[in-house]
Amino acid sequence: MSSDAGMKAKWMLAGLVLLLCGINVLNVVNSYVGRNFMTAIADRKTAEFTQQAIFYIGVFAASTVVAVFARFTEERLALLWREFLTRRAVRLYLSDATYFHLGASGQLTHPDQRIAEDVRAFTTTTLSFIIMIFNSGLTILAFSGVLWSISPLLFGVAVFYAACGSYLTITFGRPLIKLNYDQLDREASFRSGLIEIRESAEAIMVAKGEQQQHARVLQRLDEAIGNFRQIIAVNRNLGFFTTGYNWLIQIIPALIVAPAFIRGDVEFGVITQSAAAFAMLVGAFSLIVTQFQSISNFAAVVTRLSSLIEAFEQSHAPAPPSAIEIVEAERLAFEQLTLLSSDEKPVLKDFSASVDANTRVLITGPHQVAGVALFKAAAGIPTAGSGRITRPSHDSIRFLPQQPYLMPGTLRQTLVAPDRTAEISDDQILHLLQEFNLDIGQTGGLDKDRDWGVVLSLREQQLLALIGIIIAAPRFVFLDRLDTTLEVEEFYNVLRTLSAHSIAYLNCGITGAGENLYDMKLACEQDGQWSWTAVPSGDRTGSLS
């Protein structure tokens, strides 16, 4: 934790320990006050009854205040711990493309649910268990002496009864651990199916895929319900035992102490005191019995978080040497680069070229798979092959795929990096929107929150992403088949605008049209063959400055 948060957590923990000690002291005092109160009733002593009643009310009031503050402190401490762990998990998830590697490997299901829900459950339940164990220890220390002073036999019965109850609870409830683990996954799977429908609403409607989605979502629901039925059945069997176990706690002390009262060896109030002390002591020893369902849930959460941490570590562990070496430098070059298809056939063989900052490149030819593979390899997406790619840092080179990613939020948040918001004015953004003929931002302003990937067409998403690139002003931009979506003149206008802003581009195009807007051409042929040729200077327009 940060120094401030860590210090705050230490003070909260210290305060919580003091409050728990206070609760146990008050419980012991309450047992003696209760004994005297009941004895006063049995002896018909009005003055003593009134005095003990006042003490009783005072102890109840103090116990209420201390218990409420203890609960409040526990919840605040759990929240602070959750915030720390969640921030750390999100940072690890988003660093070094961990989110991508986890998705590509398929080694972990629903990492989002584990970060959001499992971390919350882990922090809350862990702290609750720690407090219960600590509190149970204090209760055992406080009430062992009380119960032993009443009846050593009753103390022995309490320990034996709790031990037997814990063993039988574990025996009956063991299947809950795996069932609860599976339930968390099935619930997350069902929820992700509903989210997918929301995010792909337009595509599903166009494809008339409602029936398939209906069957798929209901199948996931059936799996969740079927697993939960098994949980309910185990809980039923466990409930038969734990319910009877808890009922017997109320009568066992009376069965042992009542004969002593009948003989006149103890006062009547000792019966009620022994019942309270027995219940407190057995409850302290019986955490497994009383909390087994929570423990089984907790075990599933811990297992899932362990898998998440292990996946993070594997993602950040030194990866095996890749055949394609990516080197960061102030230039863009390809050296002896060979790219392979999914069936390990070469789509680009021994490609070597250097792209200057003022060079505009057209990547074309009958074998478009090569251009797409080159785009992915240059962007750092794991691609089969060998060779070396030298490229600038992220600030100096951007990649625009056919389906761009637009962060949900305001138009300004989508287009402008957080550290440049003060540099870019509204007029600059509106001018670029007008230049690209995008009718957004004029209504609602630049600060209206929208999910741009849903409300905009693919063409509009591509143009909006291009505006974001122009605002970022990198030295290079790599474009992937935008000419399949944009109209010809619209696409040419994009290239001219990039040139006007001194941004060199590499365009993976479907056709070779508009060659006058390029300086070099990479033609990708069959079997990995290629040619790297200059576009005649007389055919070029709009040269980069």
Protein backbone atom coordinates (compact mmCIF):
# COMPACT_ATOMS: atom_id res chain seq x y z
CA MET A 1 0.00 0.00 0.00
CA SER A 2 0.97 3.63 -0.30
CA SER A 3 2.38 5.18 2.85
CA ASP A 4 -0.83 7.13 3.58
CA ALA A 5 -3.14 4.18 2.94
CA GLY A 6 -0.84 1.82 4.83
CA MET A 7 -0.73 4.07 7.88
CA LYS A 8 -4.50 4.49 7.77
CA ALA A 9 -4.96 0.71 7.60
CA LYS A 10 -2.66 0.18 10.61
CA TRP A 11 -4.63 2.67 12.71
CA MET A 12 -7.90 1.04 11.67
CA LEU A 13 -6.59 -2.42 12.53
CA ALA A 14 -5.35 -1.27 15.93
CA GLY A 15 -8.70 0.37 16.66
CA LEU A 16 -10.53 -2.76 15.55
CA VAL A 17 -8.46 -4.95 17.91
CA LEU A 18 -9.27 -2.65 20.85
CA LEU A 19 -12.98 -2.68 19.97
CA LEU A 20 -13.01 -6.49 19.78
CA CYS A 21 -11.30 -6.73 23.15
CA GLY A 22 -13.94 -4.34 24.50
CA ILE A 23 -16.74 -6.52 23.13
CA ASN A 24 -15.39 -9.62 24.87
CA VAL A 25 -14.90 -7.79 28.16
CA LEU A 26 -18.49 -6.56 27.97
CA ASN A 27 -19.69 -10.10 27.16
CA VAL A 28 -18.03 -11.46 30.31
CA VAL A 29 -19.46 -8.61 32.40
CA ASN A 30 -22.84 -9.28 30.81
CA SER A 31 -22.73 -12.95 31.85
CA TYR A 32 -22.24 -12.02 35.53
CA VAL A 33 -24.82 -9.23 35.42
CA GLY A 34 -27.27 -11.65 33.81
CA ARG A 35 -26.58 -14.25 36.49
CA ASN A 36 -27.23 -11.74 39.30
CA PHE A 37 -30.32 -10.44 37.49
CA MET A 38 -31.89 -13.90 37.23
CA THR A 39 -30.92 -14.78 40.82
CA ALA A 40 -32.59 -11.57 42.05
CA ILE A 41 -35.78 -12.61 40.26
CA ALA A 42 -35.63 -16.12 41.76
CA ASP A 43 -35.02 -14.71 45.28
CA ARG A 44 -37.72 -12.03 44.84
CA LYS A 45 -35.33 -9.20 45.83
CA THR A 46 -36.87 -6.02 44.38
CA ALA A 47 -34.00 -3.63 45.16
CA GLU A 48 -31.38 -6.06 43.80
CA PHE A 49 -33.56 -6.68 40.73
CA THR A 50 -33.82 -2.93 40.00
CA GLN A 51 -30.08 -2.41 40.42
CA GLN A 52 -29.14 -5.36 38.19
CA ALA A 53 -31.71 -4.25 35.57
CA ILE A 54 -29.98 -0.84 35.39
CA PHE A 55 -26.60 -2.58 35.05
CA TYR A 56 -28.07 -4.86 32.38
CA ILE A 57 -29.34 -1.91 30.31
CA GLY A 58 -26.02 -0.10 30.70
CA VAL A 59 -24.03 -3.13 29.50
CA PHE A 60 -26.41 -3.62 26.54
CA ALA A 61 -26.05 0.05 25.55
CA ALA A 62 -22.25 -0.08 25.78
CA SER A 63 -22.13 -3.38 23.86
CA THR A 64 -24.30 -1.91 21.10
CA VAL A 65 -22.08 1.14 20.64
CA VAL A 66 -18.84 -0.88 20.64
CA ALA A 67 -20.26 -3.55 18.29
CA VAL A 68 -21.51 -0.97 15.77
CA PHE A 69 -18.18 0.86 15.70
CA ALA A 70 -16.35 -2.47 15.36
CA ARG A 71 -18.50 -3.40 12.35
CA PHE A 72 -18.03 0.04 10.82
CA THR A 73 -14.23 -0.15 11.22
CA GLU A 74 -14.16 -3.67 9.77
CA GLU A 75 -16.08 -2.59 6.65
CA ARG A 76 -13.89 0.49 6.12
CA LEU A 77 -10.73 -1.60 6.50
CA ALA A 78 -12.05 -4.20 4.03
CA LEU A 79 -12.91 -1.43 1.56
CA LEU A 80 -9.42 0.07 1.86
CA TRP A 81 -7.86 -3.36 1.29
CA ARG A 82 -10.12 -4.04 -1.69
CA GLU A 83 -9.24 -0.71 -3.26
CA PHE A 84 -5.52 -1.45 -2.92
CA LEU A 85 -5.73 -4.97 -4.35
CA THR A 86 -8.09 -4.00 -7.18
CA ARG A 87 -5.90 -1.08 -8.26
CA ARG A 88 -2.89 -3.39 -8.28
CA ALA A 89 -4.74 -6.11 -10.22
CA VAL A 90 -5.99 -3.61 -12.82
CA ARG A 91 -2.47 -2.20 -13.22
CA LEU A 92 -1.04 -5.69 -13.76
CA TYR A 93 -3.91 -6.62 -16.09
CA LEU A 94 -3.33 -3.62 -18.33
CA SER A 95 0.50 -3.62 -18.26
CA ASP A 96 2.63 -5.33 -20.90
CA ALA A 97 -0.53 -6.39 -22.81
CA THR A 98 -1.38 -8.96 -20.12
CA TYR A 99 -5.08 -8.70 -21.07
CA PHE A 100 -4.17 -9.67 -24.64
CA HIS A 101 -1.93 -12.60 -23.70
CA LEU A 102 -4.53 -14.01 -21.29
CA GLY A 103 -7.21 -13.82 -23.96
CA ALA A 104 -4.98 -15.28 -26.66
CA SER A 105 -3.79 -18.19 -24.51
CA GLY A 106 -7.24 -19.04 -23.16
CA GLN A 107 -5.61 -20.21 -19.93
CA LEU A 108 -7.92 -18.16 -17.69
CA THR A 109 -11.69 -17.74 -17.84
CA HIS A 110 -13.36 -14.43 -17.01
CA PRO A 111 -10.43 -12.43 -15.56
CA ASP A 112 -12.74 -9.39 -15.36
CA GLN A 113 -15.06 -11.22 -12.95
CA ARG A 114 -12.12 -12.34 -10.82
CA ILE A 115 -10.77 -8.80 -10.55
CA ALA A 116 -14.15 -7.19 -9.85
CA GLU A 117 -16.01 -9.76 -7.76
CA ASP A 118 -13.44 -12.21 -6.40
CA VAL A 119 -11.15 -9.50 -5.05
CA ARG A 120 -14.13 -7.93 -3.26
CA ALA A 121 -15.18 -11.28 -1.80
CA PHE A 122 -11.61 -12.14 -0.84
CA THR A 123 -10.91 -8.94 1.06
CA THR A 124 -14.28 -8.86 2.83
CA THR A 125 -14.29 -12.55 3.74
CA THR A 126 -10.62 -12.76 4.70
CA LEU A 127 -10.89 -9.83 7.07
CA SER A 128 -14.14 -11.24 8.46
CA PHE A 129 -12.52 -14.63 9.11
CA ILE A 130 -9.45 -13.06 10.71
CA ILE A 131 -11.69 -11.05 13.01
CA MET A 132 -13.83 -14.10 13.82
CA ILE A 133 -10.74 -16.20 14.64
CA PHE A 134 -9.27 -13.42 16.77
CA ASN A 135 -12.62 -12.83 18.45
CA SER A 136 -13.08 -16.56 19.02
CA GLY A 137 -9.67 -16.71 20.66
CA LEU A 138 -10.62 -13.90 23.00
CA THR A 139 -13.95 -15.59 23.73
CA ILE A 140 -12.23 -18.88 24.55
CA LEU A 141 -9.85 -17.09 26.92
CA ALA A 142 -12.66 -15.11 28.52
CA PHE A 143 -15.26 -17.87 28.96
CA SER A 144 -13.11 -20.95 29.57
CA GLY A 145 -12.50 -19.76 33.12
CA VAL A 146 -16.16 -18.90 33.61
CA LEU A 147 -17.35 -22.31 32.39
CA TRP A 148 -14.62 -24.20 34.25
CA SER A 149 -15.57 -22.45 37.50
CA ILE A 150 -19.18 -23.56 37.01
CA SER A 151 -18.46 -27.16 35.94
CA PRO A 152 -15.23 -28.74 34.63
CA LEU A 153 -17.40 -31.46 33.10
CA LEU A 154 -19.40 -28.88 31.14
CA PHE A 155 -16.16 -27.36 29.85
CA GLY A 156 -14.98 -30.78 28.62
CA VAL A 157 -18.32 -31.46 26.97
CA ALA A 158 -18.12 -28.10 25.15
CA VAL A 159 -14.69 -28.89 23.67
CA PHE A 160 -15.64 -32.46 22.68
CA TYR A 161 -19.00 -31.38 21.22
CA ALA A 162 -17.39 -28.66 19.07
CA ALA A 163 -14.64 -31.01 17.84
CA CYS A 164 -17.13 -33.68 16.76
CA GLY A 165 -19.34 -31.06 15.11
CA SER A 166 -16.45 -29.60 13.12
CA TYR A 167 -15.35 -33.03 11.86
CA LEU A 168 -18.85 -34.04 10.74
CA THR A 169 -19.47 -30.64 9.08
CA ILE A 170 -16.31 -31.01 6.98
CA THR A 171 -17.34 -34.54 6.02
CA PHE A 172 -20.86 -33.53 4.91
CA GLY A 173 -19.92 -30.21 3.31
CA ARG A 174 -16.68 -30.98 1.45
CA PRO A 175 -18.35 -31.09 -2.03
CA LEU A 176 -19.38 -27.42 -1.61
CA ILE A 177 -15.85 -26.18 -2.31
CA LYS A 178 -15.77 -27.41 -5.93
CA LEU A 179 -19.45 -26.65 -6.49
CA ASN A 180 -19.00 -23.04 -5.39
CA TYR A 181 -15.93 -22.69 -7.63
CA ASP A 182 -17.91 -23.96 -10.61
CA GLN A 183 -20.87 -21.75 -9.72
CA LEU A 184 -18.76 -18.59 -9.89
CA ASP A 185 -17.57 -19.56 -13.38
CA ARG A 186 -21.05 -20.46 -14.60
CA GLU A 187 -22.55 -17.22 -13.30
CA ALA A 188 -19.77 -15.24 -15.00
CA SER A 189 -20.33 -17.17 -18.25
CA PHE A 190 -24.07 -16.41 -18.19
CA ARG A 191 -23.43 -12.73 -17.49
CA SER A 192 -20.81 -12.46 -20.26
CA GLY A 193 -23.33 -13.91 -22.72
CA LEU A 194 -25.80 -11.14 -21.87
CA ILE A 195 -23.06 -8.51 -22.17
CA GLU A 196 -22.10 -9.88 -25.58
CA ILE A 197 -25.71 -9.49 -26.78
CA ARG A 198 -25.73 -5.86 -25.62
CA GLU A 199 -22.40 -5.07 -27.28
CA SER A 200 -23.26 -6.84 -30.54
CA ALA A 201 -26.91 -5.78 -30.68
CA GLU A 202 -26.79 -4.31 -34.18
CA ALA A 203 -24.86 -7.23 -35.69
CA ILE A 204 -27.22 -9.76 -34.09
CA MET A 205 -30.27 -7.89 -35.39
CA VAL A 206 -28.87 -7.72 -38.94
CA ALA A 207 -27.90 -11.40 -38.93
CA LYS A 208 -31.22 -12.39 -37.29
CA GLY A 209 -29.21 -14.30 -34.72
CA GLU A 210 -31.71 -13.98 -31.88
CA GLN A 211 -32.58 -17.69 -31.90
CA GLN A 212 -28.94 -18.81 -31.67
CA GLN A 213 -28.21 -16.28 -28.93
CA HIS A 214 -31.37 -17.34 -27.08
CA ALA A 215 -30.28 -20.99 -27.13
CA ARG A 216 -26.70 -20.12 -26.14
CA VAL A 217 -27.66 -17.90 -23.20
CA LEU A 218 -30.27 -20.35 -21.91
CA GLN A 219 -27.73 -23.17 -22.10
CA ARG A 220 -25.41 -21.17 -19.84
CA LEU A 221 -28.33 -20.42 -17.53
CA ASP A 222 -29.19 -24.12 -17.36
CA GLU A 223 -25.60 -24.94 -16.43
CA ALA A 224 -25.65 -22.34 -13.63
CA ILE A 225 -29.03 -23.53 -12.33
CA GLY A 226 -28.03 -27.21 -12.49
CA ASN A 227 -24.87 -26.58 -10.50
CA PHE A 228 -26.78 -24.47 -7.98
CA ARG A 229 -29.28 -27.30 -7.50
CA GLN A 230 -26.39 -29.49 -6.37
CA ILE A 231 -25.27 -26.75 -3.96
CA ILE A 232 -28.81 -26.58 -2.52
CA ALA A 233 -28.87 -30.38 -2.07
CA VAL A 234 -25.55 -30.38 -0.18
CA ASN A 235 -26.72 -27.44 1.94
CA ARG A 236 -29.90 -29.38 2.76
CA ASN A 237 -27.93 -32.36 4.04
CA LEU A 238 -25.56 -30.08 5.91
CA GLY A 239 -28.51 -28.15 7.33
CA PHE A 240 -29.98 -31.27 8.95
CA PHE A 241 -26.80 -31.66 10.98
CA THR A 242 -26.01 -28.01 11.80
CA THR A 243 -29.58 -27.18 12.81
CA GLY A 244 -29.72 -30.08 15.25
CA TYR A 245 -26.23 -29.20 16.43
CA ASN A 246 -27.30 -25.64 17.28
CA TRP A 247 -30.51 -26.77 19.04
CA LEU A 248 -28.63 -29.12 21.35
CA ILE A 249 -26.34 -26.27 22.46
CA GLN A 250 -29.33 -24.74 24.27
CA ILE A 251 -30.20 -27.81 26.36
CA ILE A 252 -26.85 -29.44 27.16
CA PRO A 253 -25.84 -26.89 29.88
CA ALA A 254 -29.20 -27.29 31.65
CA LEU A 255 -28.90 -31.09 31.59
CA ILE A 256 -25.54 -30.89 33.37
CA VAL A 257 -26.05 -27.90 35.74
CA ALA A 258 -29.75 -28.33 36.64
CA PRO A 259 -29.13 -31.33 38.98
CA ALA A 260 -26.67 -29.18 40.99
CA PHE A 261 -29.34 -26.46 41.33
CA ILE A 262 -31.94 -29.02 42.38
CA ARG A 263 -29.53 -30.24 45.06
CA GLY A 264 -29.07 -26.60 46.18
CA ASP A 265 -25.38 -26.50 45.30
CA VAL A 266 -25.71 -23.48 42.95
CA GLU A 267 -27.98 -20.48 42.52
CA PHE A 268 -30.68 -20.34 39.80
CA GLY A 269 -28.76 -17.64 37.92
CA VAL A 270 -25.87 -20.07 37.43
CA ILE A 271 -28.07 -22.09 35.04
CA THR A 272 -28.56 -19.10 32.74
CA GLN A 273 -24.91 -18.09 33.11
CA SER A 274 -23.74 -21.61 32.21
CA ALA A 275 -26.05 -21.66 29.18
CA ALA A 276 -24.65 -18.34 27.95
CA ALA A 277 -21.03 -19.30 28.65
CA PHE A 278 -21.50 -22.74 27.02
CA ALA A 279 -23.06 -21.17 23.92
CA MET A 280 -20.26 -18.59 23.68
CA LEU A 281 -17.51 -21.18 24.12
CA VAL A 282 -19.00 -23.76 21.77
CA GLY A 283 -19.62 -20.99 19.24
CA ALA A 284 -15.97 -19.95 19.47
CA PHE A 285 -14.81 -23.54 18.96
CA SER A 286 -17.38 -24.17 16.19
CA LEU A 287 -16.35 -21.68 13.52
CA ILE A 288 -16.15 -24.48 10.96
CA VAL A 289 -19.71 -25.57 11.78
CA THR A 290 -21.29 -22.11 11.80
CA GLN A 291 -19.29 -20.68 8.89
CA PHE A 292 -18.77 -23.69 6.62
CA GLN A 293 -20.81 -22.30 3.73
CA SER A 294 -18.82 -19.07 3.87
CA ILE A 295 -15.59 -21.06 4.14
CA SER A 296 -16.46 -23.13 1.06
CA ASN A 297 -17.22 -19.95 -0.89
CA PHE A 298 -14.00 -18.43 0.38
CA ALA A 299 -11.97 -21.48 -0.66
CA ALA A 300 -13.36 -21.19 -4.19
CA VAL A 301 -12.52 -17.47 -4.32
CA VAL A 302 -8.97 -18.08 -3.08
CA THR A 303 -8.45 -20.78 -5.71
CA ARG A 304 -9.70 -18.49 -8.47
CA LEU A 305 -7.51 -15.60 -7.32
CA SER A 306 -4.51 -17.94 -7.10
CA SER A 307 -5.15 -18.87 -10.73
CA LEU A 308 -5.37 -15.17 -11.62
CA ILE A 309 -2.07 -14.35 -9.90
CA GLU A 310 -0.41 -17.36 -11.51
CA ALA A 311 -1.66 -16.27 -14.94
CA PHE A 312 -0.35 -12.73 -14.33
CA GLU A 313 3.05 -14.11 -13.32
CA GLN A 314 3.23 -16.35 -16.36
CA SER A 315 2.26 -13.44 -18.59
CA HIS A 316 5.03 -11.26 -17.08
CA ALA A 317 7.59 -14.04 -16.95
CA PRO A 318 10.37 -13.90 -19.55
CA ALA A 319 8.79 -15.20 -22.71
CA PRO A 320 10.62 -17.76 -24.82
CA PRO A 321 12.80 -16.06 -27.43
CA SER A 322 10.61 -14.98 -30.34
CA ALA A 323 11.78 -15.60 -33.85
CA ILE A 324 10.72 -12.03 -34.72
CA GLU A 325 12.82 -9.50 -32.82
CA ILE A 326 11.28 -6.07 -32.23
CA VAL A 327 13.74 -3.28 -31.47
CA GLU A 328 12.73 0.23 -30.43
CA ALA A 329 14.64 3.02 -32.16
CA GLU A 330 14.02 6.33 -33.90
CA ARG A 331 13.42 4.70 -37.30
CA LEU A 332 11.22 2.16 -39.05
CA ALA A 333 12.93 -0.74 -40.78
CA PHE A 334 12.46 -4.44 -41.58
CA GLU A 335 15.44 -6.81 -41.76
CA GLN A 336 15.26 -10.33 -43.21
CA LEU A 337 11.62 -10.52 -42.12
CA THR A 338 9.78 -13.74 -42.91
CA LEU A 339 6.11 -14.09 -41.98
CA LEU A 340 4.17 -17.37 -41.91
CA SER A 341 0.49 -18.16 -42.30
CA SER A 342 -1.49 -20.27 -39.85
CA ASP A 343 -0.47 -23.41 -41.75
CA GLU A 344 3.20 -22.29 -41.54
CA LYS A 345 3.54 -21.38 -45.20
CA PRO A 346 5.55 -18.18 -45.96
CA VAL A 347 3.41 -15.18 -46.90
CA LEU A 348 6.37 -12.76 -46.90
CA LYS A 349 9.92 -14.06 -47.31
CA ASP A 350 13.17 -12.30 -46.31
CA PHE A 351 11.72 -8.80 -46.58
CA SER A 352 14.20 -5.98 -45.91
CA ALA A 353 13.44 -2.29 -46.28
CA SER A 354 13.86 1.01 -44.44
CA VAL A 355 11.02 3.54 -44.27
CA ASP A 356 12.17 7.12 -43.87
CA ALA A 357 10.13 9.66 -41.93
CA ASN A 358 9.11 11.35 -45.18
CA THR A 359 8.14 8.18 -47.04
CA ARG A 360 4.61 7.11 -47.91
CA VAL A 361 4.24 3.40 -48.61
CA LEU A 362 1.55 1.41 -50.42
CA ILE A 363 1.41 -2.28 -49.50
CA THR A 364 -0.58 -4.08 -52.16
CA GLY A 365 -0.60 -7.05 -54.49
CA PRO A 366 -2.68 -10.17 -55.02
CA HIS A 367 -1.57 -11.70 -51.70
CA GLN A 368 -3.25 -9.46 -49.11
CA VAL A 369 -2.55 -11.90 -46.26
CA ALA A 370 1.08 -10.72 -46.35
CA GLY A 371 0.12 -7.09 -45.78
CA VAL A 372 -2.16 -8.00 -42.87
CA ALA A 373 0.59 -10.17 -41.32
CA LEU A 374 3.09 -7.32 -41.71
CA PHE A 375 0.66 -4.93 -39.98
CA LYS A 376 0.21 -7.31 -37.03
CA ALA A 377 3.90 -8.06 -36.69
CA ALA A 378 4.83 -4.38 -36.74
CA ALA A 379 2.13 -3.66 -34.13
CA GLY A 380 3.67 -6.26 -31.80
CA ILE A 381 0.91 -8.86 -32.13
CA PRO A 382 2.51 -12.34 -31.88
CA THR A 383 3.03 -13.53 -35.43
CA ALA A 384 4.79 -16.65 -36.68
CA GLY A 385 8.00 -15.91 -38.55
CA SER A 386 11.55 -14.66 -38.15
CA GLY A 387 13.67 -11.55 -38.67
CA ARG A 388 13.84 -8.12 -37.08
CA ILE A 389 11.52 -5.11 -36.95
CA THR A 390 12.91 -1.76 -35.84
CA ARG A 391 10.26 0.79 -34.96
CA PRO A 392 9.80 4.00 -32.93
CA SER A 393 8.02 4.20 -29.58
CA HIS A 394 4.24 4.37 -29.32
CA ASP A 395 4.28 8.17 -29.35
CA SER A 396 5.92 8.16 -32.79
CA ILE A 397 4.02 5.37 -34.54
CA ARG A 398 0.34 4.42 -34.48
CA PHE A 399 -1.58 1.51 -35.97
CA LEU A 400 -5.14 1.75 -37.28
CA PRO A 401 -6.84 -1.61 -37.98
CA GLN A 402 -10.00 -2.10 -40.02
CA GLN A 403 -12.02 -2.24 -36.81
CA PRO A 404 -10.56 0.52 -34.61
CA TYR A 405 -10.97 0.70 -30.87
CA LEU A 406 -12.73 3.82 -29.60
CA MET A 407 -12.82 4.20 -25.84
CA PRO A 408 -16.32 4.88 -24.49
CA GLY A 409 -16.53 8.34 -22.96
CA THR A 410 -16.72 11.92 -24.13
CA LEU A 411 -15.50 12.88 -27.57
CA ARG A 412 -12.60 14.77 -26.02
CA GLN A 413 -11.57 11.76 -23.91
CA THR A 414 -11.70 9.54 -27.00
CA LEU A 415 -9.62 11.82 -29.21
CA VAL A 416 -7.17 13.53 -26.87
CA ALA A 417 -4.66 11.91 -24.52
CA PRO A 418 -5.10 12.99 -20.87
CA ASP A 419 -1.72 14.77 -20.78
CA ARG A 420 -2.60 16.92 -23.82
CA THR A 421 -6.10 18.12 -22.95
CA ALA A 422 -4.82 21.61 -22.20
CA GLU A 423 -3.04 21.84 -25.58
CA ILE A 424 -5.96 20.91 -27.85
CA SER A 425 -8.80 23.40 -28.15
CA ASP A 426 -12.43 22.66 -29.03
CA ASP A 427 -12.01 24.60 -32.28
CA GLN A 428 -9.18 22.29 -33.41
CA ILE A 429 -11.30 19.20 -32.79
CA LEU A 430 -14.38 20.67 -34.46
CA HIS A 431 -12.30 21.76 -37.46
CA LEU A 432 -11.01 18.21 -37.97
CA LEU A 433 -14.53 16.79 -37.59
CA GLN A 434 -15.72 19.19 -40.27
CA GLU A 435 -12.74 18.38 -42.49
CA PHE A 436 -13.59 14.67 -42.34
CA ASN A 437 -17.31 15.38 -42.77
CA LEU A 438 -18.27 13.86 -39.41
CA ASP A 439 -21.53 15.20 -38.03
CA ILE A 440 -20.75 14.47 -34.37
CA GLY A 441 -19.69 16.85 -31.64
CA GLN A 442 -21.76 19.70 -33.03
CA THR A 443 -24.79 18.49 -31.06
CA GLY A 444 -24.22 17.71 -27.43
CA GLY A 445 -20.73 19.19 -27.45
CA LEU A 446 -17.43 17.44 -26.94
CA ASP A 447 -18.17 16.39 -23.38
CA LYS A 448 -21.21 14.18 -23.95
CA ASP A 449 -20.55 10.62 -22.80
CA ARG A 450 -21.22 8.02 -25.53
CA ASP A 451 -20.20 4.49 -26.48
CA TRP A 452 -18.71 5.44 -29.87
CA GLY A 453 -18.07 1.86 -30.92
CA VAL A 454 -21.84 1.26 -30.78
CA VAL A 455 -23.41 4.52 -31.98
CA LEU A 456 -21.08 5.08 -34.98
CA SER A 457 -20.83 3.15 -38.22
CA LEU A 458 -17.53 1.47 -39.15
CA ARG A 459 -16.74 4.32 -41.55
CA GLU A 460 -17.35 6.92 -38.85
CA GLN A 461 -15.29 4.93 -36.34
CA GLN A 462 -12.35 4.81 -38.77
CA LEU A 463 -12.53 8.54 -39.48
CA LEU A 464 -12.82 9.38 -35.80
CA ALA A 465 -9.79 7.19 -35.03
CA LEU A 466 -7.87 9.00 -37.79
CA ILE A 467 -8.71 12.34 -36.17
CA GLY A 468 -7.31 11.01 -32.90
CA ILE A 469 -4.11 10.01 -34.72
CA ILE A 470 -3.77 13.44 -36.32
CA ILE A 471 -4.19 15.09 -32.93
CA ALA A 472 -1.55 12.75 -31.46
CA ALA A 473 0.80 13.72 -34.34
CA PRO A 474 3.01 10.62 -34.61
CA ARG A 475 5.76 10.37 -37.24
CA PHE A 476 4.30 7.18 -38.77
CA VAL A 477 0.88 5.60 -39.06
CA PHE A 478 0.19 2.07 -40.34
CA LEU A 479 -3.26 1.71 -41.98
CA ASP A 480 -5.00 -1.61 -42.56
CA ARG A 481 -7.36 -1.79 -45.57
CA LEU A 482 -9.34 1.37 -44.88
CA ASP A 483 -10.10 1.65 -48.59
CA THR A 484 -12.58 -1.23 -48.26
CA THR A 485 -14.86 0.97 -46.11
CA LEU A 486 -14.20 4.57 -47.13
CA GLU A 487 -15.21 5.98 -50.48
CA VAL A 488 -12.37 6.55 -52.95
CA GLU A 489 -12.27 10.34 -52.73
CA GLU A 490 -12.82 10.21 -48.99
CA PHE A 491 -9.89 7.86 -48.60
CA TYR A 492 -7.67 10.02 -50.80
CA ASN A 493 -8.60 13.01 -48.67
CA VAL A 494 -7.48 11.06 -45.59
CA LEU A 495 -4.07 10.40 -47.15
CA ARG A 496 -3.67 14.04 -48.21
CA THR A 497 -4.60 15.21 -44.70
CA LEU A 498 -2.01 12.90 -43.17
CA SER A 499 0.59 14.29 -45.56
CA ALA A 500 -0.43 17.85 -44.74
CA HIS A 501 0.22 17.08 -41.05
CA SER A 502 3.65 15.56 -41.86
CA ILE A 503 2.57 12.06 -40.87
CA ALA A 504 4.15 9.35 -43.03
CA TYR A 505 1.84 6.43 -43.70
CA LEU A 506 2.08 2.78 -44.64
CA ASN A 507 -1.20 1.69 -46.16
CA CYS A 508 -2.14 -1.94 -46.59
CA GLY A 509 -4.56 -1.43 -49.48
CA ILE A 510 -6.81 -3.77 -51.43
CA THR A 511 -6.13 -2.04 -54.75
CA GLY A 512 -3.20 -0.11 -56.11
CA ALA A 513 -5.34 2.90 -57.04
CA GLY A 514 -4.10 6.36 -56.10
CA GLU A 515 -0.42 5.50 -56.46
CA ASN A 516 0.31 9.19 -56.97
CA LEU A 517 -0.19 9.57 -53.18
CA TYR A 518 2.74 7.25 -52.37
CA ASP A 519 6.52 7.33 -52.61
CA MET A 520 7.21 3.57 -52.39
CA LYS A 521 5.23 0.44 -53.19
CA LEU A 522 5.56 -3.00 -51.62
CA ALA A 523 3.92 -5.56 -53.89
CA CYS A 524 3.32 -8.88 -52.12
CA GLU A 525 3.18 -11.82 -54.50
CA GLN A 526 2.37 -15.49 -54.02
CA ASP A 527 4.71 -17.83 -52.09
CA GLY A 528 6.16 -14.95 -50.07
CA GLN A 529 7.77 -13.14 -52.98
CA TRP A 530 7.77 -9.34 -52.96
CA SER A 531 9.03 -6.26 -54.74
CA TRP A 532 9.97 -2.90 -53.24
CA THR A 533 9.86 -0.15 -55.86
CA ALA A 534 9.75 3.63 -55.95
CA VAL A 535 6.73 5.39 -57.41
CA PRO A 536 7.91 7.64 -60.29
CA SER A 537 8.27 11.19 -58.99
CA GLY A 538 6.17 12.57 -61.80
CA ASP A 539 3.20 10.51 -60.59
CA ARG A 540 3.27 11.80 -57.00
CA THR A 541 1.18 14.52 -55.42
CA GLY A 542 0.98 15.98 -51.96
CA SER A 543 4.55 15.20 -50.87
CA LEU A 544 5.34 15.28 -47.17
CA SER A 545 7.14 18.33 -45.92
